[in-house]
Amino acid sequence: MRKEMPPGSDEKTVTCRILAEFRAPQWKHFALPQRASLARMTQEQIRRPSPGIGTVAFAALCYTSPLWLGLSATMAVSHARTATMAGNVKNRAAAAGVADTLPPLVFAPVADEDNAALPYLRACEVSSRLWEQRTTSDMRQTSPNDTTASPEEAAVLDELREAARKPAFALPEKYCSRDGASDSLNAMPLMIAARQARRMLHYGQPAQAFSLACDGLRMLRHLQTAPGCWQWPAYLATNDLLWAIIEETLVQGVDASPAQLQELASCADEQLLLDYATEAILAQQYQMRRMYREFGNAPLDSGKMTFSSALQRAVLLISKISTAGRRIEANALNQTAALQASLDDIRKGRWPQPAPDVRANENTEQSWQDAPFQINDGVIKTLADCIASTRLRRIALGLFWDAHPENKSGGIKAPWRKASQISHPISGEKIRLQPRGAFQAFVVTRQSSAYSRFSDATASTEITWRVPTRIANNQ
């Protein structure tokens, strides 16, 4: 009827058309007053303009206002509560001595000819180019069936061995930042050295493999003075690889001199390892906090709108609006404070009992607002296993020391063996000597979950070190 009678039609024409419609047979069962009322309503509808998009949107907004107003109020309250809780965590962490960032490393001045950092940085540069040329699986492969070292690998090994024999280590100033921005210092030269040592073992050169692994451990000792400049997991992987080669070469009959055994023992110094681990683990935690903070404060892309930039804007807006980002950052701060307190106690000889992982309950306010600082027990257990491995290695080296003719004739016992360091630091389990196949082996149960290493697809539930039976039986 609107199409027949647009808004410009006169009133009489509209009224007559409507009344004629209500005289149709189908309306006969309605009483006359009802039909008159329906006619008046129809006339008002026809004269009223059709609703536009704005009118429809306004109506939908009004009808749904209880929902979005309630949601907005809930979000505002949640943001306020989260801000208060995060502020409480920040204040507690500040009282515990947790800083916002780690200061850069400072090294004593060292002459270039005595500085191990310079050749090692050159080795890192060459090995990084090798990494770009090969796939990750190729670089991690430790199969002894490979050919001899390539010229590039040989250059890396030369630089590494030169660095290992220098007396001091001091990074240039531009590499001293511990904010994770620089990747110039890495473990690739040490991985290449371990790979080459395994080749030597395969081709019947255990003495050469022993010498190369010793140089790798010397270099690791230098790198312990630069915590935070390379990752703690990388240290664990390379340390395990190099010590596994030392174990294999000694089992194959390499006659290590007392000076070499003593130097190996110095590479397995427990207190130096704890000092390094404390700084390295904390530096890694600070880098994670920095990553969370920078992601939450990242500016929106103002360039040309593309699908990727639109997706980035959406993710950043959600992270800024949501309280999850603040909760994650507060949890990271909580973890940092817990790590710092626990690691300080460990350095003093007080190993804490691992607490439940706070991330398992991160959706509850109690887990990160009011509860005492907690720590992921995996970090403590992994560090404890590393210390147990170090103690086991020192005890095994002590057997080789005692069995050496020069020391055995004089009755000189290994000076680095302590009766108090023959057990696992957390479980208290004694390191024991047990038969393993054709060998006697020092054994202690691993406390951390099995982790994948570059050398093994899976890690054993035990930490072991094989000793030739002829040496073990003489002790």
Protein backbone atom coordinates (compact mmCIF):
# COMPACT_ATOMS: atom_id res chain seq x y z
CA MET A 1 0.00 0.00 0.00
CA ARG A 2 3.01 2.32 0.52
CA LYS A 3 3.99 1.73 -3.09
CA GLU A 4 0.47 2.56 -4.25
CA MET A 5 0.20 5.68 -2.07
CA PRO A 6 3.54 7.47 -1.52
CA PRO A 7 3.85 10.15 1.20
CA GLY A 8 2.56 12.83 -1.23
CA SER A 9 -0.88 11.24 -1.62
CA ASP A 10 -3.86 13.17 -0.20
CA GLU A 11 -5.55 11.99 2.96
CA LYS A 12 -8.89 11.20 1.37
CA THR A 13 -7.35 8.85 -1.18
CA VAL A 14 -5.42 6.99 1.51
CA THR A 15 -8.47 6.68 3.78
CA CYS A 16 -10.71 5.41 1.04
CA ARG A 17 -8.12 2.86 -0.08
CA ILE A 18 -7.69 1.49 3.44
CA LEU A 19 -11.44 1.32 4.12
CA ALA A 20 -11.97 -0.47 0.83
CA GLU A 21 -9.39 -3.04 1.88
CA PHE A 22 -11.18 -3.71 5.20
CA ARG A 23 -14.50 -4.28 3.39
CA ALA A 24 -12.99 -7.38 1.78
CA PRO A 25 -14.72 -10.71 2.63
CA GLN A 26 -11.90 -11.97 4.83
CA TRP A 27 -12.51 -9.11 7.30
CA LYS A 28 -16.27 -9.78 7.69
CA HIS A 29 -15.83 -11.76 10.94
CA PHE A 30 -14.22 -8.68 12.64
CA ALA A 31 -16.58 -6.24 14.33
CA LEU A 32 -16.90 -2.79 12.84
CA PRO A 33 -15.10 -1.00 15.74
CA GLN A 34 -12.16 -3.42 15.38
CA ARG A 35 -11.93 -2.76 11.67
CA ALA A 36 -12.01 0.99 12.28
CA SER A 37 -9.21 0.70 14.81
CA LEU A 38 -7.13 -1.41 12.40
CA ALA A 39 -7.76 1.16 9.67
CA ARG A 40 -6.47 3.99 11.86
CA MET A 41 -3.34 1.98 12.77
CA THR A 42 -2.70 1.11 9.13
CA GLN A 43 -3.09 4.76 8.12
CA GLU A 44 -0.50 5.81 10.75
CA GLN A 45 1.94 3.12 9.54
CA ILE A 46 1.61 4.23 5.94
CA ARG A 47 2.14 7.88 6.81
CA ARG A 48 5.15 7.09 9.01
CA PRO A 49 8.46 7.00 7.04
CA SER A 50 10.25 3.66 6.65
CA PRO A 51 13.11 3.10 9.19
CA GLY A 52 16.64 3.52 7.80
CA ILE A 53 19.84 1.73 8.69
CA GLY A 54 20.61 4.25 11.43
CA THR A 55 17.21 3.75 13.02
CA VAL A 56 17.61 -0.03 12.96
CA ALA A 57 21.13 0.20 14.43
CA PHE A 58 19.96 2.56 17.18
CA ALA A 59 17.10 0.24 18.03
CA ALA A 60 19.43 -2.78 18.18
CA LEU A 61 21.83 -0.82 20.37
CA CYS A 62 19.08 0.10 22.78
CA TYR A 63 17.65 -3.41 22.94
CA THR A 64 21.11 -4.94 23.60
CA SER A 65 22.32 -2.22 25.96
CA PRO A 66 21.94 -4.36 29.12
CA LEU A 67 24.38 -6.90 27.64
CA TRP A 68 27.18 -4.61 26.48
CA LEU A 69 26.86 -2.19 29.39
CA GLY A 70 27.19 -5.12 31.78
CA LEU A 71 30.16 -6.48 29.83
CA SER A 72 31.89 -3.09 29.85
CA ALA A 73 31.36 -2.71 33.57
CA THR A 74 32.73 -6.22 34.17
CA MET A 75 35.82 -5.51 32.06
CA ALA A 76 36.44 -2.22 33.85
CA VAL A 77 36.23 -3.91 37.25
CA SER A 78 38.48 -6.75 36.06
CA HIS A 79 41.07 -4.29 34.73
CA ALA A 80 41.07 -2.36 37.98
CA ARG A 81 41.47 -5.51 40.07
CA THR A 82 44.21 -6.86 37.79
CA ALA A 83 46.08 -3.54 37.94
CA THR A 84 45.90 -3.59 41.74
CA MET A 85 47.05 -7.19 41.96
CA ALA A 86 49.88 -6.64 39.48
CA GLY A 87 50.96 -3.59 41.48
CA ASN A 88 51.07 -5.69 44.64
CA VAL A 89 53.25 -8.28 42.94
CA LYS A 90 55.55 -5.56 41.60
CA ASN A 91 55.92 -4.00 45.06
CA ARG A 92 56.68 -7.37 46.65
CA ALA A 93 59.22 -8.16 43.95
CA ALA A 94 60.89 -4.77 44.41
CA ALA A 95 61.09 -5.41 48.15
CA ALA A 96 62.75 -8.75 47.35
CA GLY A 97 65.42 -6.94 45.32
CA VAL A 98 64.22 -7.82 41.81
CA ALA A 99 65.36 -5.19 39.30
CA ASP A 100 63.61 -4.29 36.05
CA THR A 101 66.64 -5.14 33.91
CA LEU A 102 70.03 -6.74 34.34
CA PRO A 103 73.05 -4.45 34.07
CA PRO A 104 75.52 -5.14 31.24
CA LEU A 105 78.54 -7.29 31.96
CA VAL A 106 81.79 -5.61 32.94
CA PHE A 107 85.14 -7.29 32.27
CA ALA A 108 88.59 -6.35 33.47
CA PRO A 109 90.83 -5.01 30.70
CA VAL A 110 92.65 -7.79 28.82
CA ALA A 111 95.27 -7.47 26.11
CA ASP A 112 94.08 -8.64 22.70
CA GLU A 113 96.73 -11.34 22.49
CA ASP A 114 95.48 -12.83 25.80
CA ASN A 115 91.74 -12.40 25.20
CA ALA A 116 89.88 -15.63 24.40
CA ALA A 117 86.73 -13.72 23.43
CA LEU A 118 88.15 -12.37 20.16
CA PRO A 119 88.94 -15.69 18.44
CA TYR A 120 85.74 -17.21 19.81
CA LEU A 121 83.66 -14.40 18.30
CA ARG A 122 85.36 -15.07 14.97
CA ALA A 123 84.49 -18.75 15.34
CA CYS A 124 80.86 -17.80 16.05
CA GLU A 125 80.74 -15.67 12.92
CA VAL A 126 81.99 -18.50 10.69
CA SER A 127 79.74 -21.09 12.34
CA SER A 128 76.71 -18.81 11.89
CA ARG A 129 77.36 -18.81 8.15
CA LEU A 130 77.56 -22.59 8.24
CA TRP A 131 74.24 -22.70 10.09
CA GLU A 132 72.60 -20.69 7.32
CA GLN A 133 73.94 -23.11 4.71
CA ARG A 134 72.64 -26.25 6.38
CA THR A 135 69.35 -27.38 7.82
CA THR A 136 68.87 -27.72 11.55
CA SER A 137 68.79 -31.49 11.31
CA ASP A 138 72.12 -31.51 9.46
CA MET A 139 73.81 -29.36 12.08
CA ARG A 140 72.46 -31.39 14.97
CA GLN A 141 73.38 -34.71 13.43
CA THR A 142 76.19 -36.40 15.34
CA SER A 143 76.54 -39.49 13.20
CA PRO A 144 80.19 -40.55 13.06
CA ASN A 145 79.81 -41.65 9.43
CA ASP A 146 80.27 -38.13 8.10
CA THR A 147 83.36 -37.19 6.16
CA THR A 148 86.21 -35.21 7.66
CA ALA A 149 85.76 -31.60 8.68
CA SER A 150 85.11 -29.09 5.91
CA PRO A 151 87.48 -26.11 5.49
CA GLU A 152 84.93 -23.87 7.22
CA GLU A 153 84.62 -26.28 10.16
CA ALA A 154 88.39 -26.55 10.35
CA ALA A 155 88.60 -22.75 10.56
CA VAL A 156 86.03 -22.77 13.38
CA LEU A 157 87.98 -25.45 15.27
CA ASP A 158 91.26 -23.52 14.87
CA GLU A 159 89.70 -20.36 16.32
CA LEU A 160 88.06 -22.35 19.11
CA ARG A 161 91.26 -24.10 20.16
CA GLU A 162 93.17 -20.83 20.05
CA ALA A 163 90.53 -19.23 22.29
CA ALA A 164 90.52 -22.17 24.72
CA ARG A 165 94.26 -21.80 25.37
CA LYS A 166 94.21 -18.08 26.11
CA PRO A 167 94.36 -17.08 29.78
CA ALA A 168 91.46 -14.60 30.04
CA PHE A 169 88.05 -13.78 28.57
CA ALA A 170 86.65 -10.28 28.10
CA LEU A 171 83.88 -9.47 25.65
CA PRO A 172 84.05 -6.16 23.76
CA GLU A 173 81.60 -3.61 25.13
CA LYS A 174 79.07 -3.95 22.29
CA TYR A 175 78.55 -7.62 23.18
CA CYS A 176 78.08 -7.10 26.92
CA SER A 177 74.33 -6.47 26.90
CA ARG A 178 72.21 -9.18 28.51
CA ASP A 179 68.83 -8.10 27.11
CA GLY A 180 68.75 -10.83 24.48
CA ALA A 181 69.23 -8.40 21.60
CA SER A 182 72.58 -9.83 20.49
CA ASP A 183 73.11 -13.36 19.22
CA SER A 184 76.78 -12.95 18.33
CA LEU A 185 77.80 -15.28 21.17
CA ASN A 186 76.48 -18.79 20.61
CA ALA A 187 77.29 -22.45 21.16
CA MET A 188 77.75 -23.43 17.51
CA PRO A 189 81.58 -23.63 17.62
CA LEU A 190 81.35 -25.99 20.58
CA MET A 191 78.74 -28.11 18.80
CA ILE A 192 81.04 -28.36 15.78
CA ALA A 193 83.90 -29.37 18.09
CA ALA A 194 81.78 -32.10 19.67
CA ARG A 195 80.77 -33.36 16.26
CA GLN A 196 84.39 -33.51 15.09
CA ALA A 197 85.44 -35.29 18.29
CA ARG A 198 82.83 -37.96 17.63
CA ARG A 199 84.25 -38.43 14.14
CA MET A 200 87.69 -38.93 15.70
CA LEU A 201 86.30 -41.53 18.06
CA HIS A 202 84.69 -43.36 15.17
CA TYR A 203 87.93 -43.50 13.22
CA GLY A 204 90.02 -44.73 16.16
CA GLN A 205 91.55 -41.46 17.35
CA PRO A 206 90.49 -41.26 21.01
CA ALA A 207 93.54 -39.24 22.07
CA GLN A 208 92.77 -36.52 19.50
CA ALA A 209 89.10 -36.57 20.51
CA PHE A 210 90.11 -36.24 24.18
CA SER A 211 92.29 -33.23 23.42
CA LEU A 212 89.54 -31.51 21.40
CA ALA A 213 86.91 -32.14 24.09
CA CYS A 214 89.27 -30.75 26.74
CA ASP A 215 89.65 -27.58 24.68
CA GLY A 216 85.87 -27.38 24.45
CA LEU A 217 85.54 -27.61 28.24
CA ARG A 218 88.22 -24.94 28.68
CA MET A 219 86.18 -22.70 26.40
CA LEU A 220 83.05 -23.44 28.41
CA ARG A 221 84.92 -22.33 31.51
CA HIS A 222 85.69 -19.02 29.76
CA LEU A 223 82.06 -18.62 28.70
CA GLN A 224 80.92 -19.04 32.29
CA THR A 225 82.19 -15.50 32.85
CA ALA A 226 79.52 -14.19 30.42
CA PRO A 227 76.18 -15.31 31.91
CA GLY A 228 73.17 -14.12 29.96
CA CYS A 229 75.04 -13.63 26.69
CA TRP A 230 74.06 -17.13 25.59
CA GLN A 231 71.26 -19.38 26.74
CA TRP A 232 71.38 -21.68 29.77
CA PRO A 233 69.86 -24.66 27.85
CA ALA A 234 72.64 -24.29 25.26
CA TYR A 235 75.19 -24.57 28.07
CA LEU A 236 73.55 -27.74 29.41
CA ALA A 237 73.50 -29.37 25.95
CA THR A 238 77.11 -28.58 25.04
CA ASN A 239 78.39 -29.43 28.52
CA ASP A 240 76.74 -32.87 28.37
CA LEU A 241 78.09 -33.52 24.88
CA LEU A 242 81.69 -32.65 25.75
CA TRP A 243 81.71 -34.63 28.99
CA ALA A 244 80.20 -37.65 27.19
CA ILE A 245 83.20 -37.54 24.83
CA ILE A 246 85.61 -37.32 27.77
CA GLU A 247 83.93 -40.35 29.33
CA GLU A 248 84.12 -42.34 26.09
CA THR A 249 87.79 -41.55 25.49
CA LEU A 250 88.76 -42.53 29.04
CA VAL A 251 86.81 -45.77 28.69
CA GLN A 252 88.66 -46.49 25.44
CA GLY A 253 91.94 -46.28 27.32
CA VAL A 254 93.25 -42.74 26.86
CA ASP A 255 95.95 -42.26 29.49
CA ALA A 256 95.18 -38.82 30.88
CA SER A 257 98.06 -37.25 32.79
CA PRO A 258 97.61 -35.93 36.34
CA ALA A 259 97.75 -32.37 34.96
CA GLN A 260 94.98 -33.13 32.48
CA LEU A 261 92.84 -34.80 35.15
CA GLN A 262 93.32 -31.85 37.46
CA GLU A 263 92.34 -29.44 34.71
CA LEU A 264 89.24 -31.49 33.95
CA ALA A 265 88.34 -31.36 37.62
CA SER A 266 88.67 -27.57 37.53
CA CYS A 267 86.22 -27.57 34.59
CA ALA A 268 83.77 -29.41 36.86
CA ASP A 269 83.99 -26.94 39.73
CA GLU A 270 80.66 -27.04 41.54
CA GLN A 271 80.71 -23.55 43.03
CA LEU A 272 81.71 -21.89 39.76
CA LEU A 273 78.90 -23.78 38.05
CA LEU A 274 76.37 -22.62 40.64
CA ASP A 275 77.52 -19.00 40.32
CA TYR A 276 77.20 -19.17 36.55
CA ALA A 277 73.85 -21.01 36.61
CA THR A 278 72.37 -18.43 38.98
CA GLU A 279 73.23 -15.54 36.67
CA ALA A 280 72.36 -17.40 33.46
CA ILE A 281 68.94 -18.62 34.64
CA LEU A 282 68.02 -15.19 35.99
CA ALA A 283 69.18 -13.52 32.78
CA GLN A 284 66.95 -15.85 30.77
CA GLN A 285 64.01 -15.00 33.03
CA TYR A 286 64.66 -11.27 32.60
CA GLN A 287 64.72 -11.72 28.83
CA MET A 288 61.31 -13.43 28.97
CA ARG A 289 59.90 -10.57 31.05
CA ARG A 290 61.32 -8.08 28.59
CA MET A 291 59.67 -9.93 25.71
CA TYR A 292 56.27 -9.89 27.46
CA ARG A 293 56.62 -6.20 28.29
CA GLU A 294 57.67 -5.19 24.78
CA PHE A 295 54.87 -7.18 23.18
CA GLY A 296 52.28 -5.52 25.39
CA ASN A 297 53.64 -2.04 24.65
CA ALA A 298 54.37 -2.53 20.95
CA PRO A 299 53.05 0.35 18.77
CA LEU A 300 50.40 -0.40 16.19
CA ASP A 301 51.53 -0.61 12.60
CA SER A 302 50.59 2.67 10.88
CA GLY A 303 51.72 1.64 7.39
CA LYS A 304 49.72 0.28 4.50
CA MET A 305 46.88 -1.95 5.64
CA THR A 306 47.50 -5.58 4.72
CA PHE A 307 46.18 -8.84 6.07
CA SER A 308 49.26 -9.37 8.26
CA SER A 309 49.20 -5.80 9.59
CA ALA A 310 45.46 -6.07 10.29
CA LEU A 311 46.06 -9.32 12.14
CA GLN A 312 48.89 -7.71 14.11
CA ARG A 313 46.65 -4.81 15.08
CA ALA A 314 43.90 -7.15 16.19
CA VAL A 315 46.28 -9.22 18.35
CA LEU A 316 47.84 -6.11 19.92
CA LEU A 317 44.47 -4.53 20.63
CA ILE A 318 43.23 -7.73 22.25
CA SER A 319 46.40 -7.95 24.34
CA LYS A 320 46.00 -4.33 25.48
CA ILE A 321 42.32 -4.77 26.33
CA SER A 322 42.60 -8.20 27.92
CA THR A 323 43.89 -8.70 31.45
CA ALA A 324 45.74 -11.87 30.39
CA GLY A 325 48.83 -9.87 29.35
CA ARG A 326 49.15 -8.27 32.78
CA ARG A 327 48.63 -11.60 34.46
CA ILE A 328 51.36 -13.21 32.35
CA GLU A 329 53.77 -10.37 33.10
CA ALA A 330 52.94 -10.55 36.81
CA ASN A 331 53.51 -14.30 36.78
CA ALA A 332 56.86 -13.78 35.07
CA LEU A 333 57.81 -11.23 37.73
CA ASN A 334 56.67 -13.65 40.42
CA GLN A 335 58.81 -16.39 38.90
CA THR A 336 61.83 -14.08 38.72
CA ALA A 337 61.57 -13.22 42.40
CA ALA A 338 61.18 -16.90 43.28
CA LEU A 339 64.16 -17.87 41.16
CA GLN A 340 66.35 -15.18 42.66
CA ALA A 341 65.53 -16.18 46.24
CA SER A 342 65.87 -19.92 45.57
CA LEU A 343 69.13 -19.60 43.64
CA ASP A 344 70.64 -17.40 46.35
CA ASP A 345 69.81 -20.12 48.89
CA ILE A 346 71.28 -22.81 46.64
CA ARG A 347 74.56 -20.91 46.32
CA LYS A 348 74.73 -20.94 50.11
CA GLY A 349 74.18 -24.71 50.21
CA ARG A 350 70.47 -24.69 51.07
CA TRP A 351 68.58 -26.56 48.38
CA PRO A 352 64.83 -25.79 48.56
CA GLN A 353 62.19 -28.41 48.11
CA PRO A 354 60.60 -27.86 44.69
CA ALA A 355 57.23 -26.14 44.94
CA PRO A 356 54.23 -26.78 42.67
CA ASP A 357 54.40 -25.08 39.30
CA VAL A 358 52.53 -21.77 39.66
CA ARG A 359 51.54 -21.87 35.98
CA ALA A 360 49.24 -24.79 36.67
CA ASN A 361 46.98 -22.43 38.67
CA GLU A 362 47.55 -19.17 36.87
CA ASN A 363 43.81 -18.59 36.41
CA THR A 364 43.31 -18.25 40.16
CA GLU A 365 44.10 -14.98 41.88
CA GLN A 366 45.55 -16.74 44.91
CA SER A 367 48.34 -18.31 42.86
CA TRP A 368 50.00 -15.00 41.97
CA GLN A 369 48.55 -12.29 44.20
CA ASP A 370 48.74 -13.47 47.80
CA ALA A 371 50.63 -16.76 47.71
CA PRO A 372 54.37 -16.79 48.52
CA PHE A 373 56.72 -16.61 45.58
CA GLN A 374 56.80 -19.99 43.88
CA ILE A 375 59.11 -21.51 41.31
CA ASN A 376 58.68 -24.05 38.57
CA ASP A 377 60.24 -27.17 40.09
CA GLY A 378 61.65 -28.18 36.69
CA VAL A 379 64.24 -25.41 36.91
CA ILE A 380 65.46 -26.53 40.34
CA LYS A 381 65.47 -30.22 39.40
CA THR A 382 67.39 -29.60 36.19
CA LEU A 383 70.00 -27.56 38.05
CA ALA A 384 70.21 -30.23 40.77
CA ASP A 385 70.79 -32.93 38.15
CA CYS A 386 73.50 -30.79 36.58
CA ILE A 387 75.23 -30.50 39.97
CA ALA A 388 74.81 -34.25 40.56
CA SER A 389 76.44 -34.90 37.17
CA THR A 390 79.31 -32.61 38.13
CA ARG A 391 79.84 -34.45 41.42
CA LEU A 392 79.71 -37.79 39.66
CA ARG A 393 82.32 -36.66 37.13
CA ARG A 394 84.66 -35.44 39.84
CA ILE A 395 84.40 -38.75 41.69
CA ALA A 396 85.08 -40.69 38.49
CA LEU A 397 88.05 -38.47 37.66
CA GLY A 398 89.27 -39.16 41.17
CA LEU A 399 89.41 -42.88 40.41
CA PHE A 400 91.54 -42.24 37.33
CA TRP A 401 93.73 -39.93 39.43
CA ASP A 402 94.20 -42.56 42.13
CA ALA A 403 94.94 -45.24 39.54
CA HIS A 404 97.67 -43.22 37.84
CA PRO A 405 101.13 -44.65 38.60
CA GLU A 406 102.59 -41.25 39.53
CA ASN A 407 99.90 -40.62 42.12
CA LYS A 408 99.33 -44.17 43.29
CA SER A 409 102.95 -44.72 44.19
CA GLY A 410 102.97 -41.61 46.33
CA GLY A 411 99.62 -42.31 47.93
CA ILE A 412 98.21 -38.98 46.71
CA LYS A 413 94.43 -38.99 46.72
CA ALA A 414 92.49 -36.74 44.37
CA PRO A 415 92.49 -33.33 46.11
CA TRP A 416 89.04 -32.36 44.76
CA ARG A 417 87.05 -35.29 46.16
CA LYS A 418 84.88 -34.49 49.16
CA ALA A 419 82.87 -36.95 51.19
CA SER A 420 80.03 -34.40 51.47
CA GLN A 421 79.64 -34.26 47.68
CA ILE A 422 78.81 -37.86 46.86
CA SER A 423 75.01 -37.55 46.76
CA HIS A 424 72.27 -35.89 44.78
CA PRO A 425 71.69 -32.37 46.20
CA ILE A 426 67.88 -32.67 46.30
CA SER A 427 67.07 -36.33 46.88
CA GLY A 428 70.14 -37.06 49.00
CA GLU A 429 70.62 -40.32 47.07
CA LYS A 430 74.21 -41.55 47.29
CA ILE A 431 76.19 -41.86 44.11
CA ARG A 432 76.90 -45.58 43.86
CA LEU A 433 79.14 -47.82 41.78
CA GLN A 434 77.17 -50.54 39.99
CA PRO A 435 77.80 -52.94 37.10
CA ARG A 436 76.47 -51.80 33.76
CA GLY A 437 77.20 -54.37 31.06
CA ALA A 438 80.96 -54.84 30.70
CA PHE A 439 81.69 -51.81 32.88
CA GLN A 440 81.32 -50.53 36.38
CA ALA A 441 79.42 -47.24 36.38
CA PHE A 442 78.73 -44.47 38.85
CA VAL A 443 74.94 -44.10 39.00
CA VAL A 444 72.45 -41.64 40.50
CA THR A 445 68.76 -41.23 39.67
CA ARG A 446 67.78 -38.20 37.60
CA GLN A 447 65.19 -35.93 39.23
CA SER A 448 64.15 -33.76 36.27
CA SER A 449 62.00 -34.96 33.40
CA ALA A 450 63.85 -36.53 30.50
CA TYR A 451 64.82 -33.80 28.07
CA SER A 452 65.85 -34.05 24.45
CA ARG A 453 69.56 -33.49 23.83
CA PHE A 454 71.51 -32.96 20.67
CA SER A 455 73.29 -36.27 21.20
CA ASP A 456 70.37 -38.47 22.31
CA ALA A 457 66.77 -38.73 21.21
CA THR A 458 65.69 -39.35 24.81
CA ALA A 459 67.50 -38.96 28.08
CA SER A 460 67.86 -41.79 30.56
CA THR A 461 66.26 -41.76 33.99
CA GLU A 462 69.78 -42.25 35.40
CA ILE A 463 72.91 -40.13 35.37
CA THR A 464 75.86 -42.44 34.77
CA TRP A 465 79.60 -42.46 34.18
CA ARG A 466 81.33 -45.66 33.06
CA VAL A 467 84.64 -46.69 34.58
CA PRO A 468 86.81 -49.55 33.30
CA THR A 469 86.45 -52.54 35.61
CA ARG A 470 90.24 -52.81 36.08
CA ILE A 471 90.28 -49.29 37.56
CA ALA A 472 87.14 -49.72 39.65
CA ASN A 473 88.36 -53.02 41.16
CA ASN A 474 91.63 -51.47 42.32
CA GLN A 475 89.97 -48.82 44.47
